[in-house]
All heavy atoms as atom14 arrays in JSON, in Angstrom:
{
  "sequence": "AELSTLLNDDGEVMPDAVQAAAEALLAKRPGLANANRPWGEV",
  "atom14_mask": [
    [1, 1, 1, 1, 1, 0, 0, 0, 0, 0, 0, 0, 0, 0],
    [1, 1, 1, 1, 1, 1, 1, 1, 1, 0, 0, 0, 0, 0],
    [1, 1, 1, 1, 1, 1, 1, 1, 0, 0, 0, 0, 0, 0],
    [1, 1, 1, 1, 1, 1, 0, 0, 0, 0, 0, 0, 0, 0],
    [1, 1, 1, 1, 1, 1, 1, 0, 0, 0, 0, 0, 0, 0],
    [1, 1, 1, 1, 1, 1, 1, 1, 0, 0, 0, 0, 0, 0],
    [1, 1, 1, 1, 1, 1, 1, 1, 0, 0, 0, 0, 0, 0],
    [1, 1, 1, 1, 1, 1, 1, 1, 0, 0, 0, 0, 0, 0],
    [1, 1, 1, 1, 1, 1, 1, 1, 0, 0, 0, 0, 0, 0],
    [1, 1, 1, 1, 1, 1, 1, 1, 0, 0, 0, 0, 0, 0],
    [1, 1, 1, 1, 0, 0, 0, 0, 0, 0, 0, 0, 0, 0],
    [1, 1, 1, 1, 1, 1, 1, 1, 1, 0, 0, 0, 0, 0],
    [1, 1, 1, 1, 1, 1, 1, 0, 0, 0, 0, 0, 0, 0],
    [1, 1, 1, 1, 1, 1, 1, 1, 0, 0, 0, 0, 0, 0],
    [1, 1, 1, 1, 1, 1, 1, 0, 0, 0, 0, 0, 0, 0],
    [1, 1, 1, 1, 1, 1, 1, 1, 0, 0, 0, 0, 0, 0],
    [1, 1, 1, 1, 1, 0, 0, 0, 0, 0, 0, 0, 0, 0],
    [1, 1, 1, 1, 1, 1, 1, 0, 0, 0, 0, 0, 0, 0],
    [1, 1, 1, 1, 1, 1, 1, 1, 1, 0, 0, 0, 0, 0],
    [1, 1, 1, 1, 1, 0, 0, 0, 0, 0, 0, 0, 0, 0],
    [1, 1, 1, 1, 1, 0, 0, 0, 0, 0, 0, 0, 0, 0],
    [1, 1, 1, 1, 1, 0, 0, 0, 0, 0, 0, 0, 0, 0],
    [1, 1, 1, 1, 1, 1, 1, 1, 1, 0, 0, 0, 0, 0],
    [1, 1, 1, 1, 1, 0, 0, 0, 0, 0, 0, 0, 0, 0],
    [1, 1, 1, 1, 1, 1, 1, 1, 0, 0, 0, 0, 0, 0],
    [1, 1, 1, 1, 1, 1, 1, 1, 0, 0, 0, 0, 0, 0],
    [1, 1, 1, 1, 1, 0, 0, 0, 0, 0, 0, 0, 0, 0],
    [1, 1, 1, 1, 1, 1, 1, 1, 1, 0, 0, 0, 0, 0],
    [1, 1, 1, 1, 1, 1, 1, 1, 1, 1, 1, 0, 0, 0],
    [1, 1, 1, 1, 1, 1, 1, 0, 0, 0, 0, 0, 0, 0],
    [1, 1, 1, 1, 0, 0, 0, 0, 0, 0, 0, 0, 0, 0],
    [1, 1, 1, 1, 1, 1, 1, 1, 0, 0, 0, 0, 0, 0],
    [1, 1, 1, 1, 1, 0, 0, 0, 0, 0, 0, 0, 0, 0],
    [1, 1, 1, 1, 1, 1, 1, 1, 0, 0, 0, 0, 0, 0],
    [1, 1, 1, 1, 1, 0, 0, 0, 0, 0, 0, 0, 0, 0],
    [1, 1, 1, 1, 1, 1, 1, 1, 0, 0, 0, 0, 0, 0],
    [1, 1, 1, 1, 1, 1, 1, 1, 1, 1, 1, 0, 0, 0],
    [1, 1, 1, 1, 1, 1, 1, 0, 0, 0, 0, 0, 0, 0],
    [1, 1, 1, 1, 1, 1, 1, 1, 1, 1, 1, 1, 1, 1],
    [1, 1, 1, 1, 0, 0, 0, 0, 0, 0, 0, 0, 0, 0],
    [1, 1, 1, 1, 1, 1, 1, 1, 1, 0, 0, 0, 0, 0],
    [1, 1, 1, 1, 1, 1, 1, 0, 0, 0, 0, 0, 0, 0]
  ],
  "atom14_positions": [
    [[2.83, 7.06, 6.9], [2.13, 7.64, 5.74], [1.14, 8.71, 6.21], [0.52, 8.57, 7.26], [1.39, 6.56, 4.96], [0.0, 0.0, 0.0], [0.0, 0.0, 0.0], [0.0, 0.0, 0.0], [0.0, 0.0, 0.0], [0.0, 0.0, 0.0], [0.0, 0.0, 0.0], [0.0, 0.0, 0.0], [0.0, 0.0, 0.0], [0.0, 0.0, 0.0]],
    [[1.04, 9.76, 5.45], [0.08, 10.82, 5.72], [-1.16, 10.59, 4.86], [-1.05, 10.3, 3.67], [0.68, 12.2, 5.4], [1.81, 12.61, 6.32], [1.32, 12.87, 7.73], [0.19, 13.36, 7.9], [2.09, 12.56, 8.65], [0.0, 0.0, 0.0], [0.0, 0.0, 0.0], [0.0, 0.0, 0.0], [0.0, 0.0, 0.0], [0.0, 0.0, 0.0]],
    [[-2.32, 10.73, 5.46], [-3.57, 10.51, 4.74], [-3.66, 11.4, 3.51], [-4.08, 10.95, 2.44], [-4.77, 10.74, 5.66], [-6.15, 10.53, 5.04], [-6.31, 9.08, 4.59], [-7.23, 10.89, 6.03], [0.0, 0.0, 0.0], [0.0, 0.0, 0.0], [0.0, 0.0, 0.0], [0.0, 0.0, 0.0], [0.0, 0.0, 0.0], [0.0, 0.0, 0.0]],
    [[-3.24, 12.63, 3.62], [-3.36, 13.58, 2.51], [-2.57, 13.14, 1.27], [-2.95, 13.46, 0.15], [-2.9, 14.98, 2.94], [-1.55, 14.94, 3.36], [0.0, 0.0, 0.0], [0.0, 0.0, 0.0], [0.0, 0.0, 0.0], [0.0, 0.0, 0.0], [0.0, 0.0, 0.0], [0.0, 0.0, 0.0], [0.0, 0.0, 0.0], [0.0, 0.0, 0.0]],
    [[-1.49, 12.38, 1.46], [-0.7, 11.92, 0.31], [-1.34, 10.73, -0.39], [-0.94, 10.38, -1.49], [0.73, 11.54, 0.73], [0.67, 10.43, 1.64], [1.45, 12.71, 1.36], [0.0, 0.0, 0.0], [0.0, 0.0, 0.0], [0.0, 0.0, 0.0], [0.0, 0.0, 0.0], [0.0, 0.0, 0.0], [0.0, 0.0, 0.0], [0.0, 0.0, 0.0]],
    [[-2.34, 10.12, 0.26], [-3.0, 8.95, -0.3], [-4.36, 9.29, -0.91], [-5.09, 8.39, -1.31], [-3.16, 7.87, 0.78], [-1.86, 7.44, 1.46], [-2.15, 6.51, 2.63], [-0.92, 6.79, 0.47], [0.0, 0.0, 0.0], [0.0, 0.0, 0.0], [0.0, 0.0, 0.0], [0.0, 0.0, 0.0], [0.0, 0.0, 0.0], [0.0, 0.0, 0.0]],
    [[-4.68, 10.59, -0.93], [-5.96, 11.05, -1.47], [-5.74, 11.87, -2.73], [-4.73, 12.56, -2.85], [-6.69, 11.92, -0.45], [-6.98, 11.31, 0.92], [-7.59, 12.36, 1.83], [-7.89, 10.11, 0.79], [0.0, 0.0, 0.0], [0.0, 0.0, 0.0], [0.0, 0.0, 0.0], [0.0, 0.0, 0.0], [0.0, 0.0, 0.0], [0.0, 0.0, 0.0]],
    [[-6.7, 11.81, -3.65], [-6.61, 12.67, -4.83], [-7.21, 14.04, -4.51], [-7.59, 14.3, -3.36], [-7.29, 12.02, -6.05], [-8.78, 11.81, -5.87], [-9.43, 12.39, -4.99], [-9.36, 10.97, -6.71], [0.0, 0.0, 0.0], [0.0, 0.0, 0.0], [0.0, 0.0, 0.0], [0.0, 0.0, 0.0], [0.0, 0.0, 0.0], [0.0, 0.0, 0.0]],
    [[-7.32, 14.91, -5.5], [-7.82, 16.26, -5.28], [-9.27, 16.3, -4.8], [-9.69, 17.25, -4.15], [-7.68, 17.1, -6.56], [-6.23, 17.33, -6.92], [-5.37, 17.28, -6.02], [-5.95, 17.59, -8.11], [0.0, 0.0, 0.0], [0.0, 0.0, 0.0], [0.0, 0.0, 0.0], [0.0, 0.0, 0.0], [0.0, 0.0, 0.0], [0.0, 0.0, 0.0]],
    [[-10.04, 15.26, -5.12], [-11.44, 15.19, -4.71], [-11.62, 14.55, -3.34], [-12.75, 14.38, -2.88], [-12.26, 14.42, -5.76], [-12.31, 15.13, -7.09], [-12.24, 16.38, -7.11], [-12.4, 14.44, -8.13], [0.0, 0.0, 0.0], [0.0, 0.0, 0.0], [0.0, 0.0, 0.0], [0.0, 0.0, 0.0], [0.0, 0.0, 0.0], [0.0, 0.0, 0.0]],
    [[-10.52, 14.14, -2.71], [-10.6, 13.5, -1.4], [-10.85, 12.01, -1.45], [-11.14, 11.39, -0.43], [0.0, 0.0, 0.0], [0.0, 0.0, 0.0], [0.0, 0.0, 0.0], [0.0, 0.0, 0.0], [0.0, 0.0, 0.0], [0.0, 0.0, 0.0], [0.0, 0.0, 0.0], [0.0, 0.0, 0.0], [0.0, 0.0, 0.0], [0.0, 0.0, 0.0]],
    [[-10.75, 11.42, -2.63], [-10.94, 9.98, -2.78], [-9.62, 9.26, -2.54], [-8.56, 9.75, -2.92], [-11.44, 9.65, -4.19], [-12.77, 10.3, -4.54], [-13.93, 9.71, -3.77], [-13.9, 8.49, -3.49], [-14.85, 10.46, -3.44], [0.0, 0.0, 0.0], [0.0, 0.0, 0.0], [0.0, 0.0, 0.0], [0.0, 0.0, 0.0], [0.0, 0.0, 0.0]],
    [[-9.69, 8.08, -1.94], [-8.49, 7.28, -1.69], [-7.97, 6.74, -3.02], [-8.75, 6.25, -3.83], [-8.8, 6.12, -0.72], [-7.61, 5.2, -0.57], [-9.24, 6.67, 0.63], [0.0, 0.0, 0.0], [0.0, 0.0, 0.0], [0.0, 0.0, 0.0], [0.0, 0.0, 0.0], [0.0, 0.0, 0.0], [0.0, 0.0, 0.0], [0.0, 0.0, 0.0]],
    [[-6.65, 6.86, -3.23], [-6.01, 6.35, -4.44], [-5.41, 4.98, -4.13], [-4.37, 4.9, -3.44], [-4.93, 7.31, -4.92], [-5.45, 8.67, -5.34], [-4.17, 9.77, -6.01], [-3.05, 9.93, -4.63], [0.0, 0.0, 0.0], [0.0, 0.0, 0.0], [0.0, 0.0, 0.0], [0.0, 0.0, 0.0], [0.0, 0.0, 0.0], [0.0, 0.0, 0.0]],
    [[-6.03, 3.88, -4.61], [-5.52, 2.54, -4.3], [-4.07, 2.33, -4.73], [-3.32, 1.64, -4.04], [-6.46, 1.61, -5.07], [-7.71, 2.41, -5.26], [-7.27, 3.83, -5.38], [0.0, 0.0, 0.0], [0.0, 0.0, 0.0], [0.0, 0.0, 0.0], [0.0, 0.0, 0.0], [0.0, 0.0, 0.0], [0.0, 0.0, 0.0], [0.0, 0.0, 0.0]],
    [[-3.68, 2.91, -5.86], [-2.29, 2.74, -6.32], [-1.3, 3.37, -5.34], [-0.23, 2.82, -5.08], [-2.11, 3.35, -7.71], [-2.91, 2.61, -8.77], [-3.27, 1.44, -8.54], [-3.18, 3.21, -9.83], [0.0, 0.0, 0.0], [0.0, 0.0, 0.0], [0.0, 0.0, 0.0], [0.0, 0.0, 0.0], [0.0, 0.0, 0.0], [0.0, 0.0, 0.0]],
    [[-1.65, 4.54, -4.8], [-0.78, 5.21, -3.84], [-0.7, 4.41, -2.54], [0.37, 4.31, -1.93], [-1.28, 6.62, -3.56], [0.0, 0.0, 0.0], [0.0, 0.0, 0.0], [0.0, 0.0, 0.0], [0.0, 0.0, 0.0], [0.0, 0.0, 0.0], [0.0, 0.0, 0.0], [0.0, 0.0, 0.0], [0.0, 0.0, 0.0], [0.0, 0.0, 0.0]],
    [[-1.82, 3.84, -2.12], [-1.83, 3.01, -0.91], [-0.95, 1.78, -1.12], [-0.14, 1.44, -0.26], [-3.27, 2.59, -0.54], [-3.27, 1.61, 0.62], [-4.11, 3.81, -0.2], [0.0, 0.0, 0.0], [0.0, 0.0, 0.0], [0.0, 0.0, 0.0], [0.0, 0.0, 0.0], [0.0, 0.0, 0.0], [0.0, 0.0, 0.0], [0.0, 0.0, 0.0]],
    [[-1.09, 1.13, -2.27], [-0.29, -0.06, -2.56], [1.19, 0.28, -2.61], [2.02, -0.45, -2.09], [-0.73, -0.69, -3.89], [-0.07, -2.01, -4.19], [-0.4, -3.08, -3.16], [-1.47, -3.09, -2.57], [0.53, -3.98, -2.93], [0.0, 0.0, 0.0], [0.0, 0.0, 0.0], [0.0, 0.0, 0.0], [0.0, 0.0, 0.0], [0.0, 0.0, 0.0]],
    [[1.53, 1.42, -3.22], [2.94, 1.84, -3.29], [3.49, 2.1, -1.89], [4.63, 1.71, -1.58], [3.07, 3.07, -4.18], [0.0, 0.0, 0.0], [0.0, 0.0, 0.0], [0.0, 0.0, 0.0], [0.0, 0.0, 0.0], [0.0, 0.0, 0.0], [0.0, 0.0, 0.0], [0.0, 0.0, 0.0], [0.0, 0.0, 0.0], [0.0, 0.0, 0.0]],
    [[2.7, 2.75, -1.04], [3.15, 3.02, 0.32], [3.32, 1.72, 1.11], [4.27, 1.56, 1.88], [2.16, 3.95, 1.03], [0.0, 0.0, 0.0], [0.0, 0.0, 0.0], [0.0, 0.0, 0.0], [0.0, 0.0, 0.0], [0.0, 0.0, 0.0], [0.0, 0.0, 0.0], [0.0, 0.0, 0.0], [0.0, 0.0, 0.0], [0.0, 0.0, 0.0]],
    [[2.4, 0.78, 0.9], [2.5, -0.51, 1.6], [3.73, -1.28, 1.12], [4.46, -1.87, 1.94], [1.24, -1.34, 1.37], [0.0, 0.0, 0.0], [0.0, 0.0, 0.0], [0.0, 0.0, 0.0], [0.0, 0.0, 0.0], [0.0, 0.0, 0.0], [0.0, 0.0, 0.0], [0.0, 0.0, 0.0], [0.0, 0.0, 0.0], [0.0, 0.0, 0.0]],
    [[3.98, -1.27, -0.17], [5.15, -1.97, -0.71], [6.45, -1.32, -0.22], [7.43, -2.01, 0.06], [5.11, -2.02, -2.24], [3.97, -2.86, -2.8], [4.03, -4.32, -2.39], [5.14, -4.87, -2.24], [2.94, -4.91, -2.22], [0.0, 0.0, 0.0], [0.0, 0.0, 0.0], [0.0, 0.0, 0.0], [0.0, 0.0, 0.0], [0.0, 0.0, 0.0]],
    [[6.46, 0.01, -0.12], [7.65, 0.71, 0.4], [7.9, 0.32, 1.85], [9.05, 0.12, 2.26], [7.47, 2.22, 0.26], [0.0, 0.0, 0.0], [0.0, 0.0, 0.0], [0.0, 0.0, 0.0], [0.0, 0.0, 0.0], [0.0, 0.0, 0.0], [0.0, 0.0, 0.0], [0.0, 0.0, 0.0], [0.0, 0.0, 0.0], [0.0, 0.0, 0.0]],
    [[6.82, 0.2, 2.63], [6.97, -0.21, 4.02], [7.47, -1.65, 4.11], [8.34, -1.97, 4.91], [5.64, -0.06, 4.76], [5.61, -0.49, 6.22], [6.66, 0.25, 7.05], [4.23, -0.3, 6.8], [0.0, 0.0, 0.0], [0.0, 0.0, 0.0], [0.0, 0.0, 0.0], [0.0, 0.0, 0.0], [0.0, 0.0, 0.0], [0.0, 0.0, 0.0]],
    [[6.94, -2.52, 3.24], [7.38, -3.92, 3.25], [8.83, -4.08, 2.8], [9.51, -5.02, 3.23], [6.46, -4.77, 2.36], [5.08, -5.05, 2.94], [4.22, -5.78, 1.93], [5.19, -5.84, 4.23], [0.0, 0.0, 0.0], [0.0, 0.0, 0.0], [0.0, 0.0, 0.0], [0.0, 0.0, 0.0], [0.0, 0.0, 0.0], [0.0, 0.0, 0.0]],
    [[9.3, -3.16, 1.97], [10.7, -3.21, 1.55], [11.62, -2.96, 2.76], [12.69, -3.56, 2.87], [10.98, -2.18, 0.46], [0.0, 0.0, 0.0], [0.0, 0.0, 0.0], [0.0, 0.0, 0.0], [0.0, 0.0, 0.0], [0.0, 0.0, 0.0], [0.0, 0.0, 0.0], [0.0, 0.0, 0.0], [0.0, 0.0, 0.0], [0.0, 0.0, 0.0]],
    [[11.17, -2.1, 3.69], [11.95, -1.81, 4.88], [11.7, -2.83, 5.99], [12.61, -3.17, 6.74], [11.58, -0.42, 5.42], [11.98, 0.73, 4.56], [11.61, 2.03, 5.26], [11.09, 3.04, 4.27], [10.56, 4.23, 4.9], [0.0, 0.0, 0.0], [0.0, 0.0, 0.0], [0.0, 0.0, 0.0], [0.0, 0.0, 0.0], [0.0, 0.0, 0.0]],
    [[10.45, -3.28, 6.11], [10.06, -4.17, 7.21], [9.28, -5.36, 6.66], [8.05, -5.42, 6.77], [9.18, -3.41, 8.2], [9.72, -2.11, 8.76], [10.61, -2.27, 9.97], [10.05, -2.95, 11.09], [9.44, -2.37, 12.1], [9.29, -1.07, 12.14], [8.97, -3.1, 13.1], [0.0, 0.0, 0.0], [0.0, 0.0, 0.0], [0.0, 0.0, 0.0]],
    [[9.94, -6.36, 6.07], [9.24, -7.49, 5.46], [8.43, -8.32, 6.44], [7.5, -9.01, 6.06], [10.35, -8.32, 4.82], [11.63, -7.75, 5.29], [11.38, -6.43, 5.89], [0.0, 0.0, 0.0], [0.0, 0.0, 0.0], [0.0, 0.0, 0.0], [0.0, 0.0, 0.0], [0.0, 0.0, 0.0], [0.0, 0.0, 0.0], [0.0, 0.0, 0.0]],
    [[8.75, -8.24, 7.71], [8.02, -9.0, 8.72], [6.59, -8.51, 8.92], [5.8, -9.17, 9.57], [0.0, 0.0, 0.0], [0.0, 0.0, 0.0], [0.0, 0.0, 0.0], [0.0, 0.0, 0.0], [0.0, 0.0, 0.0], [0.0, 0.0, 0.0], [0.0, 0.0, 0.0], [0.0, 0.0, 0.0], [0.0, 0.0, 0.0], [0.0, 0.0, 0.0]],
    [[6.26, -7.37, 8.36], [4.9, -6.83, 8.5], [3.95, -7.37, 7.43], [2.78, -7.02, 7.41], [4.93, -5.29, 8.41], [5.73, -4.56, 9.49], [5.76, -3.08, 9.19], [5.14, -4.82, 10.85], [0.0, 0.0, 0.0], [0.0, 0.0, 0.0], [0.0, 0.0, 0.0], [0.0, 0.0, 0.0], [0.0, 0.0, 0.0], [0.0, 0.0, 0.0]],
    [[4.46, -8.23, 6.56], [3.66, -8.73, 5.44], [2.5, -9.6, 5.92], [2.59, -10.28, 6.95], [4.53, -9.54, 4.48], [0.0, 0.0, 0.0], [0.0, 0.0, 0.0], [0.0, 0.0, 0.0], [0.0, 0.0, 0.0], [0.0, 0.0, 0.0], [0.0, 0.0, 0.0], [0.0, 0.0, 0.0], [0.0, 0.0, 0.0], [0.0, 0.0, 0.0]],
    [[1.44, -9.56, 5.17], [0.27, -10.38, 5.42], [0.62, -11.82, 5.03], [1.01, -12.09, 3.9], [-0.9, -9.87, 4.58], [-2.19, -10.59, 4.84], [-2.23, -11.6, 5.52], [-3.27, -10.06, 4.3], [0.0, 0.0, 0.0], [0.0, 0.0, 0.0], [0.0, 0.0, 0.0], [0.0, 0.0, 0.0], [0.0, 0.0, 0.0], [0.0, 0.0, 0.0]],
    [[0.48, -12.75, 5.98], [0.81, -14.15, 5.71], [-0.14, -14.75, 4.68], [0.22, -15.69, 3.98], [0.76, -14.95, 7.0], [0.0, 0.0, 0.0], [0.0, 0.0, 0.0], [0.0, 0.0, 0.0], [0.0, 0.0, 0.0], [0.0, 0.0, 0.0], [0.0, 0.0, 0.0], [0.0, 0.0, 0.0], [0.0, 0.0, 0.0], [0.0, 0.0, 0.0]],
    [[-1.34, -14.22, 4.59], [-2.34, -14.72, 3.64], [-2.39, -13.88, 2.38], [-3.4, -13.81, 1.71], [-3.72, -14.74, 4.29], [-3.77, -15.65, 5.49], [-3.18, -16.73, 5.46], [-4.42, -15.22, 6.54], [0.0, 0.0, 0.0], [0.0, 0.0, 0.0], [0.0, 0.0, 0.0], [0.0, 0.0, 0.0], [0.0, 0.0, 0.0], [0.0, 0.0, 0.0]],
    [[-1.3, -13.23, 2.09], [-1.22, -12.34, 0.94], [-1.46, -13.14, -0.35], [-0.87, -14.21, -0.54], [0.15, -11.7, 0.91], [0.33, -10.65, -0.1], [1.7, -10.04, 0.06], [1.87, -8.99, -0.92], [2.95, -8.29, -1.03], [3.97, -8.5, -0.24], [3.04, -7.34, -1.92], [0.0, 0.0, 0.0], [0.0, 0.0, 0.0], [0.0, 0.0, 0.0]],
    [[-2.32, -12.65, -1.23], [-2.56, -13.37, -2.48], [-1.3, -13.45, -3.32], [-0.49, -12.54, -3.34], [-3.64, -12.54, -3.18], [-3.89, -11.36, -2.34], [-3.08, -11.44, -1.11], [0.0, 0.0, 0.0], [0.0, 0.0, 0.0], [0.0, 0.0, 0.0], [0.0, 0.0, 0.0], [0.0, 0.0, 0.0], [0.0, 0.0, 0.0], [0.0, 0.0, 0.0]],
    [[-1.14, -14.55, -4.0], [0.05, -14.78, -4.81], [-0.01, -14.11, -6.15], [0.98, -13.93, -6.82], [0.25, -16.26, -5.04], [0.66, -17.01, -3.83], [0.73, -16.55, -2.56], [1.05, -18.36, -3.78], [1.14, -17.52, -1.71], [1.34, -18.66, -2.45], [1.17, -19.35, -4.72], [1.75, -19.91, -2.04], [1.58, -20.6, -4.31], [1.88, -20.86, -2.98]],
    [[-1.19, -13.8, -6.61], [-1.32, -13.27, -7.96], [-1.5, -14.43, -8.93], [-1.89, -15.53, -8.55], [0.0, 0.0, 0.0], [0.0, 0.0, 0.0], [0.0, 0.0, 0.0], [0.0, 0.0, 0.0], [0.0, 0.0, 0.0], [0.0, 0.0, 0.0], [0.0, 0.0, 0.0], [0.0, 0.0, 0.0], [0.0, 0.0, 0.0], [0.0, 0.0, 0.0]],
    [[-1.18, -14.25, -10.16], [-1.35, -15.27, -11.2], [-0.22, -16.28, -11.11], [0.94, -15.94, -11.26], [-1.36, -14.62, -12.58], [-1.6, -15.59, -13.72], [-2.92, -16.33, -13.59], [-3.96, -15.7, -13.38], [-2.88, -17.57, -13.67], [0.0, 0.0, 0.0], [0.0, 0.0, 0.0], [0.0, 0.0, 0.0], [0.0, 0.0, 0.0], [0.0, 0.0, 0.0]],
    [[-0.59, -17.52, -10.84], [0.42, -18.59, -10.78], [0.26, -19.57, -11.93], [0.97, -20.56, -12.0], [0.37, -19.34, -9.43], [0.81, -18.42, -8.31], [-1.01, -19.9, -9.16], [0.0, 0.0, 0.0], [0.0, 0.0, 0.0], [0.0, 0.0, 0.0], [0.0, 0.0, 0.0], [0.0, 0.0, 0.0], [0.0, 0.0, 0.0], [0.0, 0.0, 0.0]]
  ]
}
């Protein structure tokens, strides 16, 4: 991932873009997942 693609025009980090990039990476490499990853609403 390139830092510039994860920032908005003001230079602020976009959490949605970071999450999308992380999910795309996990789709290719599931072994990189956080073992303590929150489950969400159960």
